[in-house]
Amino acid sequence: MNKIYFWTLGIILIVLLSWFSIFAVGEKQAALVFDSGKLVRVIDVPGDYFLLPFMQSVKKLDLRVQTTEVPVPQMFTDSAHNRLMATPWFRWQIVDINKFVTATDADLTKVTSPLLMKVVANAGDVVAQHRSSSVLEGSLNAGKLIVGSMSQQASMLGVKIIDAGLGDITLPEKESGSILKKMRIDAEKNAGQVREQGKAQAAGILAQGKLDSQETLAIAKQQAAMIIAETDADAATITEKAYRHNPRFYIFWGSLEAYKAGFKGRKVVVLPKDSSFFKYFNTPDAAVK
């Protein structure tokens, strides 16, 4: 009985020790192994690893792109002294683990806190140099401008700033009317410019199409004339060969064509009695002599 108890207890202890001594590092993760509070190992290769239970501890770092935003919307003033509310944010990523650990002791707040202060300051500078309408329309590349000097500060912390921006932008009620009116005027102006450009492009396309059609028609007429000329030449050659082969038949055929043309639309034709026009009517055998 005692043996079963000890075996069971031993198995439980082994399972517990395995549970506390084995850890996994996944993709886009890094692990920091501490021994008695001192960093002894940095792991950035995915896999399963061991540590000394109850003596060592592990802290995992997320190496994916992370987004941090100011918890409370901030008030900004634009170049026309109009106010707007917005929530600055930035996206960042740990790129140098050793520098990150050295600069922050692996404390994420030592990254986000100073960078949040910086993104708010930069956003205030950007908005102060532009009109609210530019910010609202999105025509202003606010993200690139806000990042500004943040990249240098982030590099010292072992992280990289991916981008930044302003979210949840709202206008105070008393100032929204004038700003929206200006936005509408600017939008109508831009739409008019786009329409004029479209009309100019359409006119150019129509003119080019007309020119192309005229050129195509001229080429077609030229090719048709060449075909007709070749056909007439072939017909003349055939006629000449036929005449040389049987001149009398050709003369007879010509007389028949003359009869057809002469009697067309006429019931009476008056000719001298000795006219050669009726040669083949008077002497049918002449066609074969």
Foldseek 3Di string as FASTA:
>chain_A
DVVVVVVVVVVVVVVVQCVQFKDWADPQKKKFKAFPNHTDDIGDDTDMGTDGGPGMDMDMDGQDKDKDKDPDWDWAAAQVRFIKTWIKMWIKGQAAVVLLCVQPVPDCCSQPVVLNVLLVVQLNVVRHHHDVLCQVVVVDPSFVSSCPCVQVVNVSNRMGIPTMHIHPMDGDPVPPVVSVVVNVVVVVVVVVVVVVVVVVVVVVVVVVVVVVVVVVVVVVVVVVVVVVVVVVVVVVVVLVVVCVVPVLLNVVVVLVVVVCVVPVPHDDDDDDPPDCSCVCVVPVCSSPD
